[in-house]
Amino acid sequence: MGKTIIAEGVLHKLPDDMIKALKAKTAILERWNKLTPIQRNEWICWVTIVKKTETRTEHIQRMIEELSEGKRQPCCWPGCPHRRPSAQKWFK
């Protein structure tokens, strides 16, 4: 059996709890890997930007549900604030 490939985002590292959730269902992992790097980045940021563990868990569950519905990025999310020019100094 080969190694499972999980595609990353453009700025954010994919955290272990998201990796575990994506690996749990092959169909979800396939959809994840077909997203663009920016779309994956939006999901990663949307999950990791929250402060409470409970909210993060809810975001991961919602991500899995929405990916299964064919959604490609978080609904009602203004976008990763880390991609803005003012934040770029933190990623160099």
PDB file of N, CA and C in Angstrom:
ATOM      1  N   MET A   1       0.837  -1.170   0.000  1.00  0.00           N
ATOM      2  CA  MET A   1       0.000   0.000   0.000  1.00  0.00           C
ATOM      3  C   MET A   1       0.887   1.239   0.000  1.00  0.00           C
ATOM      4  N   GLY A   2       0.549   2.248  -0.834  1.00  0.00           N
ATOM      5  CA  GLY A   2       1.359   3.451  -0.945  1.00  0.00           C
ATOM      6  C   GLY A   2       1.048   4.461   0.141  1.00  0.00           C
ATOM      7  N   LYS A   3       1.868   5.463   0.161  1.00  0.00           N
ATOM      8  CA  LYS A   3       1.702   6.540   1.136  1.00  0.00           C
ATOM      9  C   LYS A   3       0.530   7.431   0.714  1.00  0.00           C
ATOM     10  N   THR A   4      -0.293   7.825   1.668  1.00  0.00           N
ATOM     11  CA  THR A   4      -1.418   8.713   1.400  1.00  0.00           C
ATOM     12  C   THR A   4      -0.901  10.121   1.164  1.00  0.00           C
ATOM     13  N   ILE A   5      -1.310  10.702   0.049  1.00  0.00           N
ATOM     14  CA  ILE A   5      -0.908  12.068  -0.267  1.00  0.00           C
ATOM     15  C   ILE A   5      -2.031  13.013   0.132  1.00  0.00           C
ATOM     16  N   ILE A   6      -1.666  14.036   0.906  1.00  0.00           N
ATOM     17  CA  ILE A   6      -2.622  15.054   1.312  1.00  0.00           C
ATOM     18  C   ILE A   6      -2.026  16.400   0.898  1.00  0.00           C
ATOM     19  N   ALA A   7      -2.696  17.064  -0.038  1.00  0.00           N
ATOM     20  CA  ALA A   7      -2.205  18.333  -0.561  1.00  0.00           C
ATOM     21  C   ALA A   7      -2.310  19.430   0.499  1.00  0.00           C
ATOM     22  N   GLU A   8      -1.380  20.369   0.438  1.00  0.00           N
ATOM     23  CA  GLU A   8      -1.309  21.481   1.389  1.00  0.00           C
ATOM     24  C   GLU A   8      -1.957  22.736   0.809  1.00  0.00           C
ATOM     25  N   GLY A   9      -1.989  23.792   1.622  1.00  0.00           N
ATOM     26  CA  GLY A   9      -2.439  25.107   1.180  1.00  0.00           C
ATOM     27  C   GLY A   9      -1.247  25.931   0.724  1.00  0.00           C
ATOM     28  N   VAL A  10      -1.433  27.237   0.538  1.00  0.00           N
ATOM     29  CA  VAL A  10      -0.335  28.083   0.089  1.00  0.00           C
ATOM     30  C   VAL A  10       0.422  28.749   1.239  1.00  0.00           C
ATOM     31  N   LEU A  11      -0.239  29.045   2.332  1.00  0.00           N
ATOM     32  CA  LEU A  11       0.420  29.717   3.458  1.00  0.00           C
ATOM     33  C   LEU A  11       0.423  28.886   4.727  1.00  0.00           C
ATOM     34  N   HIS A  12      -0.640  28.172   4.954  1.00  0.00           N
ATOM     35  CA  HIS A  12      -0.814  27.471   6.225  1.00  0.00           C
ATOM     36  C   HIS A  12      -0.453  25.996   6.108  1.00  0.00           C
ATOM     37  N   LYS A  13       0.166  25.494   7.177  1.00  0.00           N
ATOM     38  CA  LYS A  13       0.466  24.067   7.276  1.00  0.00           C
ATOM     39  C   LYS A  13      -0.808  23.345   7.702  1.00  0.00           C
ATOM     40  N   LEU A  14      -1.031  22.212   7.115  1.00  0.00           N
ATOM     41  CA  LEU A  14      -2.204  21.410   7.443  1.00  0.00           C
ATOM     42  C   LEU A  14      -2.003  20.756   8.807  1.00  0.00           C
ATOM     43  N   PRO A  15      -2.842  21.109   9.807  1.00  0.00           N
ATOM     44  CA  PRO A  15      -2.659  20.559  11.152  1.00  0.00           C
ATOM     45  C   PRO A  15      -3.122  19.102  11.262  1.00  0.00           C
ATOM     46  N   ASP A  16      -2.623  18.443  12.289  1.00  0.00           N
ATOM     47  CA  ASP A  16      -2.889  17.018  12.487  1.00  0.00           C
ATOM     48  C   ASP A  16      -4.375  16.681  12.599  1.00  0.00           C
ATOM     49  N   ASP A  17      -5.161  17.521  13.278  1.00  0.00           N
ATOM     50  CA  ASP A  17      -6.578  17.192  13.435  1.00  0.00           C
ATOM     51  C   ASP A  17      -7.323  17.243  12.095  1.00  0.00           C
ATOM     52  N   MET A  18      -6.906  18.134  11.204  1.00  0.00           N
ATOM     53  CA  MET A  18      -7.518  18.178   9.872  1.00  0.00           C
ATOM     54  C   MET A  18      -7.057  16.992   9.030  1.00  0.00           C
ATOM     55  N   ILE A  19      -5.790  16.628   9.155  1.00  0.00           N
ATOM     56  CA  ILE A  19      -5.274  15.465   8.427  1.00  0.00           C
ATOM     57  C   ILE A  19      -6.058  14.218   8.828  1.00  0.00           C
ATOM     58  N   LYS A  20      -6.276  14.049  10.123  1.00  0.00           N
ATOM     59  CA  LYS A  20      -7.021  12.883  10.624  1.00  0.00           C
ATOM     60  C   LYS A  20      -8.438  12.860  10.038  1.00  0.00           C
ATOM     61  N   ALA A  21      -9.109  14.011  10.020  1.00  0.00           N
ATOM     62  CA  ALA A  21     -10.470  14.082   9.495  1.00  0.00           C
ATOM     63  C   ALA A  21     -10.499  13.790   7.992  1.00  0.00           C
ATOM     64  N   LEU A  22      -9.527  14.291   7.261  1.00  0.00           N
ATOM     65  CA  LEU A  22      -9.480  14.060   5.816  1.00  0.00           C
ATOM     66  C   LEU A  22      -9.162  12.605   5.487  1.00  0.00           C
ATOM     67  N   LYS A  23      -8.307  11.983   6.272  1.00  0.00           N
ATOM     68  CA  LYS A  23      -7.940  10.587   6.033  1.00  0.00           C
ATOM     69  C   LYS A  23      -9.076   9.625   6.360  1.00  0.00           C
ATOM     70  N   ALA A  24     -10.027  10.062   7.175  1.00  0.00           N
ATOM     71  CA  ALA A  24     -11.107   9.178   7.626  1.00  0.00           C
ATOM     72  C   ALA A  24     -12.021   8.737   6.480  1.00  0.00           C
ATOM     73  N   LYS A  25     -12.116   9.558   5.432  1.00  0.00           N
ATOM     74  CA  LYS A  25     -12.999   9.220   4.308  1.00  0.00           C
ATOM     75  C   LYS A  25     -12.268   9.456   2.998  1.00  0.00           C
ATOM     76  N   THR A  26     -12.078   8.394   2.242  1.00  0.00           N
ATOM     77  CA  THR A  26     -11.342   8.472   0.988  1.00  0.00           C
ATOM     78  C   THR A  26     -11.950   9.477   0.021  1.00  0.00           C
ATOM     79  N   ALA A  27     -13.274   9.508  -0.078  1.00  0.00           N
ATOM     80  CA  ALA A  27     -13.941  10.431  -1.010  1.00  0.00           C
ATOM     81  C   ALA A  27     -13.670  11.884  -0.641  1.00  0.00           C
ATOM     82  N   ILE A  28     -13.645  12.182   0.638  1.00  0.00           N
ATOM     83  CA  ILE A  28     -13.368  13.555   1.098  1.00  0.00           C
ATOM     84  C   ILE A  28     -11.924  13.910   0.791  1.00  0.00           C
ATOM     85  N   LEU A  29     -11.010  12.998   1.033  1.00  0.00           N
ATOM     86  CA  LEU A  29      -9.602  13.252   0.751  1.00  0.00           C
ATOM     87  C   LEU A  29      -9.393  13.499  -0.750  1.00  0.00           C
ATOM     88  N   GLU A  30     -10.075  12.743  -1.586  1.00  0.00           N
ATOM     89  CA  GLU A  30      -9.970  12.953  -3.035  1.00  0.00           C
ATOM     90  C   GLU A  30     -10.469  14.337  -3.419  1.00  0.00           C
ATOM     91  N   ARG A  31     -11.579  14.765  -2.836  1.00  0.00           N
ATOM     92  CA  ARG A  31     -12.100  16.111  -3.120  1.00  0.00           C
ATOM     93  C   ARG A  31     -11.122  17.178  -2.632  1.00  0.00           C
ATOM     94  N   TRP A  32     -10.569  16.960  -1.447  1.00  0.00           N
ATOM     95  CA  TRP A  32      -9.598  17.904  -0.883  1.00  0.00           C
ATOM     96  C   TRP A  32      -8.413  18.077  -1.841  1.00  0.00           C
ATOM     97  N   ASN A  33      -7.883  16.965  -2.313  1.00  0.00           N
ATOM     98  CA  ASN A  33      -6.709  17.020  -3.174  1.00  0.00           C
ATOM     99  C   ASN A  33      -7.004  17.651  -4.533  1.00  0.00           C
ATOM    100  N   LYS A  34      -8.259  17.705  -4.930  1.00  0.00           N
ATOM    101  CA  LYS A  34      -8.638  18.336  -6.203  1.00  0.00           C
ATOM    102  C   LYS A  34      -8.868  19.844  -6.071  1.00  0.00           C
ATOM    103  N   LEU A  35      -8.928  20.347  -4.835  1.00  0.00           N
ATOM    104  CA  LEU A  35      -9.070  21.786  -4.636  1.00  0.00           C
ATOM    105  C   LEU A  35      -7.779  22.478  -5.057  1.00  0.00           C
ATOM    106  N   THR A  36      -7.889  23.764  -5.371  1.00  0.00           N
ATOM    107  CA  THR A  36      -6.683  24.529  -5.664  1.00  0.00           C
ATOM    108  C   THR A  36      -5.937  24.789  -4.353  1.00  0.00           C
ATOM    109  N   PRO A  37      -4.649  25.097  -4.414  1.00  0.00           N
ATOM    110  CA  PRO A  37      -3.916  25.406  -3.176  1.00  0.00           C
ATOM    111  C   PRO A  37      -4.545  26.572  -2.406  1.00  0.00           C
ATOM    112  N   ILE A  38      -5.064  27.552  -3.101  1.00  0.00           N
ATOM    113  CA  ILE A  38      -5.706  28.686  -2.416  1.00  0.00           C
ATOM    114  C   ILE A  38      -6.989  28.247  -1.735  1.00  0.00           C
ATOM    115  N   GLN A  39      -7.782  27.392  -2.378  1.00  0.00           N
ATOM    116  CA  GLN A  39      -9.005  26.896  -1.742  1.00  0.00           C
ATOM    117  C   GLN A  39      -8.668  26.085  -0.491  1.00  0.00           C
ATOM    118  N   ARG A  40      -7.650  25.248  -0.583  1.00  0.00           N
ATOM    119  CA  ARG A  40      -7.231  24.478   0.598  1.00  0.00           C
ATOM    120  C   ARG A  40      -6.760  25.423   1.698  1.00  0.00           C
ATOM    121  N   ASN A  41      -6.033  26.453   1.322  1.00  0.00           N
ATOM    122  CA  ASN A  41      -5.564  27.439   2.292  1.00  0.00           C
ATOM    123  C   ASN A  41      -6.736  28.093   3.017  1.00  0.00           C
ATOM    124  N   GLU A  42      -7.809  28.402   2.278  1.00  0.00           N
ATOM    125  CA  GLU A  42      -8.987  29.028   2.894  1.00  0.00           C
ATOM    126  C   GLU A  42      -9.584  28.110   3.958  1.00  0.00           C
ATOM    127  N   TRP A  43      -9.707  26.827   3.654  1.00  0.00           N
ATOM    128  CA  TRP A  43     -10.238  25.880   4.637  1.00  0.00           C
ATOM    129  C   TRP A  43      -9.326  25.791   5.857  1.00  0.00           C
ATOM    130  N   ILE A  44      -8.019  25.682   5.617  1.00  0.00           N
ATOM    131  CA  ILE A  44      -7.085  25.564   6.741  1.00  0.00           C
ATOM    132  C   ILE A  44      -7.171  26.793   7.637  1.00  0.00           C
ATOM    133  N   CYS A  45      -7.170  27.971   7.029  1.00  0.00           N
ATOM    134  CA  CYS A  45      -7.236  29.207   7.815  1.00  0.00           C
ATOM    135  C   CYS A  45      -8.555  29.288   8.568  1.00  0.00           C
ATOM    136  N   TRP A  46      -9.647  28.962   7.903  1.00  0.00           N
ATOM    137  CA  TRP A  46     -10.976  29.034   8.513  1.00  0.00           C
ATOM    138  C   TRP A  46     -11.063  28.127   9.741  1.00  0.00           C
ATOM    139  N   VAL A  47     -10.438  26.964   9.671  1.00  0.00           N
ATOM    140  CA  VAL A  47     -10.453  26.034  10.814  1.00  0.00           C
ATOM    141  C   VAL A  47      -9.515  26.501  11.915  1.00  0.00           C
ATOM    142  N   THR A  48      -8.338  26.964  11.560  1.00  0.00           N
ATOM    143  CA  THR A  48      -7.311  27.236  12.568  1.00  0.00           C
ATOM    144  C   THR A  48      -7.372  28.626  13.187  1.00  0.00           C
ATOM    145  N   ILE A  49      -8.108  29.540  12.604  1.00  0.00           N
ATOM    146  CA  ILE A  49      -8.120  30.915  13.098  1.00  0.00           C
ATOM    147  C   ILE A  49      -8.972  31.086  14.362  1.00  0.00           C
ATOM    148  N   VAL A  50      -9.842  30.129  14.632  1.00  0.00           N
ATOM    149  CA  VAL A  50     -10.715  30.237  15.804  1.00  0.00           C
ATOM    150  C   VAL A  50      -9.926  29.967  17.085  1.00  0.00           C
ATOM    151  N   LYS A  51     -10.431  30.462  18.192  1.00  0.00           N
ATOM    152  CA  LYS A  51      -9.704  30.348  19.464  1.00  0.00           C
ATOM    153  C   LYS A  51     -10.123  29.144  20.301  1.00  0.00           C
ATOM    154  N   LYS A  52     -11.396  28.805  20.271  1.00  0.00           N
ATOM    155  CA  LYS A  52     -11.896  27.729  21.132  1.00  0.00           C
ATOM    156  C   LYS A  52     -11.772  26.371  20.450  1.00  0.00           C
ATOM    157  N   THR A  53     -11.398  25.375  21.229  1.00  0.00           N
ATOM    158  CA  THR A  53     -11.282  24.007  20.730  1.00  0.00           C
ATOM    159  C   THR A  53     -12.615  23.502  20.201  1.00  0.00           C
ATOM    160  N   GLU A  54     -13.699  23.847  20.905  1.00  0.00           N
ATOM    161  CA  GLU A  54     -15.033  23.395  20.483  1.00  0.00           C
ATOM    162  C   GLU A  54     -15.387  23.959  19.109  1.00  0.00           C
ATOM    163  N   THR A  55     -15.066  25.228  18.894  1.00  0.00           N
ATOM    164  CA  THR A  55     -15.366  25.865  17.614  1.00  0.00           C
ATOM    165  C   THR A  55     -14.530  25.233  16.510  1.00  0.00           C
ATOM    166  N   ARG A  56     -13.301  24.954  16.800  1.00  0.00           N
ATOM    167  CA  ARG A  56     -12.420  24.320  15.810  1.00  0.00           C
ATOM    168  C   ARG A  56     -12.962  22.950  15.413  1.00  0.00           C
ATOM    169  N   THR A  57     -13.404  22.177  16.395  1.00  0.00           N
ATOM    170  CA  THR A  57     -13.995  20.866  16.115  1.00  0.00           C
ATOM    171  C   THR A  57     -15.234  21.016  15.238  1.00  0.00           C
ATOM    172  N   GLU A  58     -16.066  22.004  15.542  1.00  0.00           N
ATOM    173  CA  GLU A  58     -17.258  22.267  14.729  1.00  0.00           C
ATOM    174  C   GLU A  58     -16.872  22.647  13.307  1.00  0.00           C
ATOM    175  N   HIS A  59     -15.831  23.450  13.160  1.00  0.00           N
ATOM    176  CA  HIS A  59     -15.384  23.857  11.825  1.00  0.00           C
ATOM    177  C   HIS A  59     -14.882  22.655  11.021  1.00  0.00           C
ATOM    178  N   ILE A  60     -14.173  21.765  11.664  1.00  0.00           N
ATOM    179  CA  ILE A  60     -13.688  20.571  10.952  1.00  0.00           C
ATOM    180  C   ILE A  60     -14.868  19.712  10.503  1.00  0.00           C
ATOM    181  N   GLN A  61     -15.849  19.531  11.386  1.00  0.00           N
ATOM    182  CA  GLN A  61     -17.030  18.743  11.020  1.00  0.00           C
ATOM    183  C   GLN A  61     -17.776  19.398   9.855  1.00  0.00           C
ATOM    184  N   ARG A  62     -17.929  20.708   9.935  1.00  0.00           N
ATOM    185  CA  ARG A  62     -18.619  21.429   8.861  1.00  0.00           C
ATOM    186  C   ARG A  62     -17.822  21.357   7.556  1.00  0.00           C
ATOM    187  N   MET A  63     -16.501  21.446   7.640  1.00  0.00           N
ATOM    188  CA  MET A  63     -15.669  21.325   6.448  1.00  0.00           C
ATOM    189  C   MET A  63     -15.901  19.985   5.757  1.00  0.00           C
ATOM    190  N   ILE A  64     -15.914  18.911   6.535  1.00  0.00           N
ATOM    191  CA  ILE A  64     -16.133  17.579   5.975  1.00  0.00           C
ATOM    192  C   ILE A  64     -17.506  17.504   5.312  1.00  0.00           C
ATOM    193  N   GLU A  65     -18.527  18.027   5.982  1.00  0.00           N
ATOM    194  CA  GLU A  65     -19.880  18.023   5.425  1.00  0.00           C
ATOM    195  C   GLU A  65     -19.944  18.820   4.126  1.00  0.00           C
ATOM    196  N   GLU A  66     -19.357  20.009   4.136  1.00  0.00           N
ATOM    197  CA  GLU A  66     -19.433  20.874   2.960  1.00  0.00           C
ATOM    198  C   GLU A  66     -18.594  20.338   1.798  1.00  0.00           C
ATOM    199  N   LEU A  67     -17.458  19.734   2.089  1.00  0.00           N
ATOM    200  CA  LEU A  67     -16.693  19.092   1.027  1.00  0.00           C
ATOM    201  C   LEU A  67     -17.486  17.945   0.416  1.00  0.00           C
ATOM    202  N   SER A  68     -18.202  17.197   1.247  1.00  0.00           N
ATOM    203  CA  SER A  68     -19.010  16.085   0.727  1.00  0.00           C
ATOM    204  C   SER A  68     -20.164  16.585  -0.141  1.00  0.00           C
ATOM    205  N   GLU A  69     -20.593  17.834   0.103  1.00  0.00           N
ATOM    206  CA  GLU A  69     -21.648  18.454  -0.710  1.00  0.00           C
ATOM    207  C   GLU A  69     -21.085  19.094  -1.977  1.00  0.00           C
ATOM    208  N   GLY A  70     -19.764  19.095  -2.107  1.00  0.00           N
ATOM    209  CA  GLY A  70     -19.130  19.658  -3.291  1.00  0.00           C
ATOM    210  C   GLY A  70     -18.687  21.106  -3.161  1.00  0.00           C
ATOM    211  N   LYS A  71     -18.800  21.664  -1.968  1.00  0.00           N
ATOM    212  CA  LYS A  71     -18.360  23.047  -1.777  1.00  0.00           C
ATOM    213  C   LYS A  71     -16.836  23.089  -1.806  1.00  0.00           C
ATOM    214  N   ARG A  72     -16.312  24.174  -2.354  1.00  0.00           N
ATOM    215  CA  ARG A  72     -14.875  24.275  -2.560  1.00  0.00           C
ATOM    216  C   ARG A  72     -14.178  25.231  -1.591  1.00  0.00           C
ATOM    217  N   GLN A  73     -14.954  26.011  -0.857  1.00  0.00           N
ATOM    218  CA  GLN A  73     -14.378  26.909   0.148  1.00  0.00           C
ATOM    219  C   GLN A  73     -15.430  27.208   1.198  1.00  0.00           C
ATOM    220  N   PRO A  74     -15.021  27.699   2.361  1.00  0.00           N
ATOM    221  CA  PRO A  74     -15.980  27.959   3.435  1.00  0.00           C
ATOM    222  C   PRO A  74     -17.013  29.015   3.038  1.00  0.00           C
ATOM    223  N   CYS A  75     -18.252  28.728   3.344  1.00  0.00           N
ATOM    224  CA  CYS A  75     -19.333  29.666   3.055  1.00  0.00           C
ATOM    225  C   CYS A  75     -19.227  30.884   3.978  1.00  0.00           C
ATOM    226  N   CYS A  76     -19.505  32.027   3.427  1.00  0.00           N
ATOM    227  CA  CYS A  76     -19.582  33.273   4.207  1.00  0.00           C
ATOM    228  C   CYS A  76     -18.255  33.640   4.863  1.00  0.00           C
ATOM    229  N   TRP A  77     -17.172  33.248   4.293  1.00  0.00           N
ATOM    230  CA  TRP A  77     -15.829  33.517   4.810  1.00  0.00           C
ATOM    231  C   TRP A  77     -15.210  34.601   3.945  1.00  0.00           C
ATOM    232  N   PRO A  78     -14.784  35.699   4.528  1.00  0.00           N
ATOM    233  CA  PRO A  78     -14.227  36.791   3.717  1.00  0.00           C
ATOM    234  C   PRO A  78     -12.857  36.471   3.128  1.00  0.00           C
ATOM    235  N   GLY A  79     -12.275  35.378   3.520  1.00  0.00           N
ATOM    236  CA  GLY A  79     -10.978  34.978   2.988  1.00  0.00           C
ATOM    237  C   GLY A  79      -9.889  35.064   4.035  1.00  0.00           C
ATOM    238  N   CYS A  80      -8.836  34.365   3.771  1.00  0.00           N
ATOM    239  CA  CYS A  80      -7.703  34.293   4.686  1.00  0.00           C
ATOM    240  C   CYS A  80      -7.079  35.671   4.861  1.00  0.00           C
ATOM    241  N   PRO A  81      -7.094  36.203   6.080  1.00  0.00           N
ATOM    242  CA  PRO A  81      -6.496  37.519   6.295  1.00  0.00           C
ATOM    243  C   PRO A  81      -4.975  37.494   6.147  1.00  0.00           C
ATOM    244  N   HIS A  82      -4.383  36.318   6.175  1.00  0.00           N
ATOM    245  CA  HIS A  82      -2.937  36.175   6.084  1.00  0.00           C
ATOM    246  C   HIS A  82      -2.420  36.353   4.658  1.00  0.00           C
ATOM    247  N   ARG A  83      -3.321  36.343   3.682  1.00  0.00           N
ATOM    248  CA  ARG A  83      -2.927  36.542   2.286  1.00  0.00           C
ATOM    249  C   ARG A  83      -2.909  38.016   1.906  1.00  0.00           C
ATOM    250  N   ARG A  84      -3.407  38.873   2.777  1.00  0.00           N
ATOM    251  CA  ARG A  84      -3.427  40.309   2.484  1.00  0.00           C
ATOM    252  C   ARG A  84      -2.005  40.860   2.485  1.00  0.00           C
ATOM    253  N   PRO A  85      -1.750  41.886   1.680  1.00  0.00           N
ATOM    254  CA  PRO A  85      -0.395  42.457   1.620  1.00  0.00           C
ATOM    255  C   PRO A  85       0.159  42.861   2.987  1.00  0.00           C
ATOM    256  N   SER A  86      -0.690  43.375   3.865  1.00  0.00           N
ATOM    257  CA  SER A  86      -0.214  43.808   5.181  1.00  0.00           C
ATOM    258  C   SER A  86       0.272  42.645   6.042  1.00  0.00           C
ATOM    259  N   ALA A  87      -0.161  41.443   5.734  1.00  0.00           N
ATOM    260  CA  ALA A  87       0.251  40.274   6.514  1.00  0.00           C
ATOM    261  C   ALA A  87       1.442  39.559   5.907  1.00  0.00           C
ATOM    262  N   GLN A  88       1.797  39.881   4.698  1.00  0.00           N
ATOM    263  CA  GLN A  88       2.864  39.145   4.009  1.00  0.00           C
ATOM    264  C   GLN A  88       4.207  39.208   4.733  1.00  0.00           C
ATOM    265  N   LYS A  89       4.457  40.274   5.474  1.00  0.00           N
ATOM    266  CA  LYS A  89       5.740  40.378   6.180  1.00  0.00           C
ATOM    267  C   LYS A  89       5.946  39.248   7.181  1.00  0.00           C
ATOM    268  N   TRP A  90       4.855  38.642   7.654  1.00  0.00           N
ATOM    269  CA  TRP A  90       4.943  37.562   8.638  1.00  0.00           C
ATOM    270  C   TRP A  90       5.260  36.218   7.997  1.00  0.00           C
ATOM    271  N   PHE A  91       5.147  36.138   6.668  1.00  0.00           N
ATOM    272  CA  PHE A  91       5.347  34.851   5.978  1.00  0.00           C
ATOM    273  C   PHE A  91       6.601  34.846   5.113  1.00  0.00           C
ATOM    274  N   LYS A  92       7.506  35.779   5.329  1.00  0.00           N
ATOM    275  CA  LYS A  92       8.757  35.806   4.537  1.00  0.00           C
ATOM    276  C   LYS A  92       9.903  35.267   5.339  1.00  0.00           C
TER     277      LYS A  92
END
